[in-house]
Each structure stands twice: as C-alpha cells, then as structure tokens.
C-alpha atoms as a PDB file:
ATOM      1  CA  MET A   1       0.000   0.000   0.000  1.00  0.00           C
ATOM      2  CA  LYS A   2       1.427   3.368  -1.033  1.00  0.00           C
ATOM      3  CA  ARG A   3       1.381   6.047   1.672  1.00  0.00           C
ATOM      4  CA  ASN A   4       1.577   9.708   0.833  1.00  0.00           C
ATOM      5  CA  LYS A   5       4.416  11.657   2.381  1.00  0.00           C
ATOM      6  CA  LYS A   6       3.387  14.501   4.674  1.00  0.00           C
ATOM      7  CA  ALA A   7       4.696  18.032   5.130  1.00  0.00           C
ATOM      8  CA  PHE A   8       3.917  20.975   7.385  1.00  0.00           C
ATOM      9  CA  LEU A   9       4.331  24.557   6.202  1.00  0.00           C
ATOM     10  CA  VAL A  10       4.948  26.356   9.504  1.00  0.00           C
ATOM     11  CA  TYR A  11       4.714  30.143   9.829  1.00  0.00           C
ATOM     12  CA  GLN A  12       7.054  31.510  12.508  1.00  0.00           C
ATOM     13  CA  ALA A  13       6.930  35.291  13.043  1.00  0.00           C
ATOM     14  CA  GLY A  14       8.631  36.786   9.942  1.00  0.00           C
ATOM     15  CA  ILE A  15       9.887  33.504   8.459  1.00  0.00           C
ATOM     16  CA  ALA A  16       8.500  30.106   7.537  1.00  0.00           C
ATOM     17  CA  ASN A  17       9.672  26.494   7.675  1.00  0.00           C
ATOM     18  CA  VAL A  18       8.777  23.369   5.729  1.00  0.00           C
ATOM     19  CA  PHE A  19       9.052  20.089   7.606  1.00  0.00           C
ATOM     20  CA  GLU A  20       8.560  16.550   6.361  1.00  0.00           C
ATOM     21  CA  VAL A  21       6.661  14.705   9.106  1.00  0.00           C
ATOM     22  CA  ASP A  22       5.464  11.208   9.875  1.00  0.00           C
ATOM     23  CA  CYS A  23       2.088  12.450  11.129  1.00  0.00           C
ATOM     24  CA  PHE A  24       0.127  15.694  11.441  1.00  0.00           C
ATOM     25  CA  ASN A  25       0.346  16.016  15.225  1.00  0.00           C
ATOM     26  CA  GLU A  26       0.293  19.569  16.541  1.00  0.00           C
ATOM     27  CA  SER A  27       2.472  18.368  19.428  1.00  0.00           C
ATOM     28  CA  PRO A  28       5.913  16.956  18.635  1.00  0.00           C
ATOM     29  CA  TYR A  29       5.035  13.447  19.870  1.00  0.00           C
ATOM     30  CA  GLY A  30       5.394  11.031  16.938  1.00  0.00           C
ATOM     31  CA  ARG A  31       5.850  13.825  14.411  1.00  0.00           C
ATOM     32  CA  ASN A  32       9.526  13.026  13.720  1.00  0.00           C
ATOM     33  CA  ALA A  33       9.920  16.322  11.858  1.00  0.00           C
ATOM     34  CA  LYS A  34      12.763  16.878   9.409  1.00  0.00           C
ATOM     35  CA  ARG A  35      13.327  20.455   8.251  1.00  0.00           C
ATOM     36  CA  LEU A  36      13.411  20.709   4.478  1.00  0.00           C
ATOM     37  CA  MET A  37      13.559  24.489   4.227  1.00  0.00           C
ATOM     38  CA  GLN A  38      13.587  27.709   6.247  1.00  0.00           C
ATOM     39  CA  ALA A  39      13.166  31.031   4.441  1.00  0.00           C
ATOM     40  CA  ASP A  40      10.754  33.884   3.792  1.00  0.00           C
ATOM     41  CA  PHE A  41       7.010  33.204   3.494  1.00  0.00           C
ATOM     42  CA  ALA A  42       6.828  33.203  -0.308  1.00  0.00           C
ATOM     43  CA  SER A  43       9.781  30.874  -0.808  1.00  0.00           C
ATOM     44  CA  CYS A  44       8.463  28.316   1.682  1.00  0.00           C
ATOM     45  CA  GLU A  45       4.909  28.576   0.293  1.00  0.00           C
ATOM     46  CA  ASN A  46       6.193  27.907  -3.230  1.00  0.00           C
ATOM     47  CA  PHE A  47       8.300  24.997  -1.984  1.00  0.00           C
ATOM     48  CA  ALA A  48       5.250  23.548  -0.186  1.00  0.00           C
ATOM     49  CA  ARG A  49       3.177  23.885  -3.367  1.00  0.00           C
ATOM     50  CA  GLY A  50       5.875  21.987  -5.215  1.00  0.00           C
ATOM     51  CA  LEU A  51       5.766  19.228  -2.605  1.00  0.00           C
ATOM     52  CA  ARG A  52       1.982  19.079  -2.944  1.00  0.00           C
ATOM     53  CA  HIS A  53       2.288  18.674  -6.721  1.00  0.00           C
ATOM     54  CA  ALA A  54       4.900  15.968  -6.144  1.00  0.00           C
ATOM     55  CA  GLY A  55       2.381  13.948  -4.125  1.00  0.00           C
ATOM     56  CA  TYR A  56       2.931  15.142  -0.551  1.00  0.00           C
ATOM     57  CA  VAL A  57      -0.026  15.918   1.661  1.00  0.00           C
ATOM     58  CA  VAL A  58       0.614  19.464   2.887  1.00  0.00           C
ATOM     59  CA  PHE A  59      -0.937  21.269   5.840  1.00  0.00           C
ATOM     60  CA  SER A  60      -0.181  24.820   7.020  1.00  0.00           C
ATOM     61  CA  VAL A  61       0.216  25.712  10.691  1.00  0.00           C
ATOM     62  CA  GLY A  62       2.036  28.285  12.806  1.00  0.00           C
ATOM     63  CA  CYS A  63       4.327  28.536  15.788  1.00  0.00           C
ATOM     64  CA  ASN A  64       4.743  31.898  17.502  1.00  0.00           C
ATOM     65  CA  MET A  65       8.034  31.047  19.219  1.00  0.00           C
ATOM     66  CA  ALA A  66      11.601  32.156  18.651  1.00  0.00           C
ATOM     67  CA  GLY A  67      14.470  29.828  17.878  1.00  0.00           C
ATOM     68  CA  ASP A  68      14.362  26.260  16.630  1.00  0.00           C
ATOM     69  CA  ILE A  69      10.708  25.159  16.555  1.00  0.00           C
ATOM     70  CA  ILE A  70      11.186  21.597  15.302  1.00  0.00           C
ATOM     71  CA  ASN A  71       9.984  20.143  18.640  1.00  0.00           C
ATOM     72  CA  GLN A  72       7.486  22.858  19.609  1.00  0.00           C
ATOM     73  CA  LYS A  73       3.695  22.733  19.562  1.00  0.00           C
ATOM     74  CA  PHE A  74       2.198  23.979  16.294  1.00  0.00           C
ATOM     75  CA  GLU A  75      -1.012  25.985  16.074  1.00  0.00           C
ATOM     76  CA  THR A  76      -3.795  25.669  13.498  1.00  0.00           C
ATOM     77  CA  ASP A  77      -5.383  29.111  14.083  1.00  0.00           C
ATOM     78  CA  LEU A  78      -3.369  31.042  11.517  1.00  0.00           C
ATOM     79  CA  ASN A  79      -5.441  34.192  11.991  1.00  0.00           C
ATOM     80  CA  SER A  80      -4.044  34.619  15.518  1.00  0.00           C
ATOM     81  CA  LEU A  81      -0.414  34.764  14.361  1.00  0.00           C
ATOM     82  CA  PRO A  82       1.719  37.844  13.604  1.00  0.00           C
ATOM     83  CA  PHE A  83       1.846  38.815   9.922  1.00  0.00           C
ATOM     84  CA  CYS A  84      -1.159  36.575   9.099  1.00  0.00           C
ATOM     85  CA  ASP A  85      -2.253  39.085   6.455  1.00  0.00           C
ATOM     86  CA  LYS A  86       0.897  38.107   4.507  1.00  0.00           C
ATOM     87  CA  PHE A  87       0.246  34.334   4.569  1.00  0.00           C
ATOM     88  CA  HIS A  88      -0.752  32.289   1.528  1.00  0.00           C
ATOM     89  CA  PRO A  89      -1.162  28.877   3.216  1.00  0.00           C
ATOM     90  CA  VAL A  90      -0.888  25.614   1.337  1.00  0.00           C
ATOM     91  CA  PHE A  91      -3.316  22.794   2.055  1.00  0.00           C
ATOM     92  CA  SER A  92      -4.213  19.472   0.453  1.00  0.00           C
ATOM     93  CA  HIS A  93      -7.960  19.923   0.952  1.00  0.00           C
ATOM     94  CA  GLN A  94      -9.117  17.303  -1.527  1.00  0.00           C
ATOM     95  CA  TYR A  95      -7.006  14.545   0.047  1.00  0.00           C
ATOM     96  CA  LEU A  96      -7.879  15.378   3.652  1.00  0.00           C
ATOM     97  CA  GLY A  97     -11.569  15.917   2.921  1.00  0.00           C
ATOM     98  CA  ILE A  98     -11.569  19.324   4.602  1.00  0.00           C
ATOM     99  CA  LYS A  99     -14.413  21.711   3.886  1.00  0.00           C
ATOM    100  CA  ASP A 100     -13.291  24.992   5.383  1.00  0.00           C
ATOM    101  CA  THR A 101     -15.900  27.625   4.683  1.00  0.00           C
ATOM    102  CA  GLU A 102     -15.457  29.812   7.749  1.00  0.00           C
ATOM    103  CA  SER A 103     -11.802  30.871   7.684  1.00  0.00           C
ATOM    104  CA  ARG A 104     -10.273  33.033   5.007  1.00  0.00           C
ATOM    105  CA  TYR A 105      -7.915  30.198   4.054  1.00  0.00           C
END
C-alpha cells in the first residue's frame, strides 16, 4: 500500500519552515519532523506547493516562538499569528476531505 508523504508549512513570526513529518500532530510526539527548508514566506509557500504537486499531503500551521521550533507545539489558528495578512497557506484539501468555509484560508 502506497502512503503519501506529509509536510507541514509552519509560519514563525517573519519567516517560515517546511518540515517533512510522519504524522500531522500539533504536538511533537510522533511527528519526527525533518526540516526541508527555512526562508521567507513566499519561498516556503512555493516549496510547499511543489511538494503538494509531487504527491505530498501538505498542511499549514504556525508557531509563535523564537528559535528552533522543530519540537514545539504547532497551532492551526493562523489568523491569531503575527503577519497573518501576509500568509498564503498551502493545504491538500481534496485529500484530507476538509471543507473549510469559515476561515479566510
């Protein structure tokens, strides 16, 4: 059985990260995150879109902490994060079966 690879696009203050993960846990338990990229928002968003087109399941989250966030708790409420008006999150809605009609994402 083929399993799709998973990736988090994580907004962190004025930068973003892309992590390959084993599971979509908000807490680090079992996530086994591996950083693929850390850069400005647009660069990471474009990288995440490329991963999505390559078959990854991508989900966007945030972490409003300084320093290395690889083992920090991630947050799904993107509207509560600094610079949220600059975000262009990447999601794999069709694969996850998400119908998000209330948020602006």
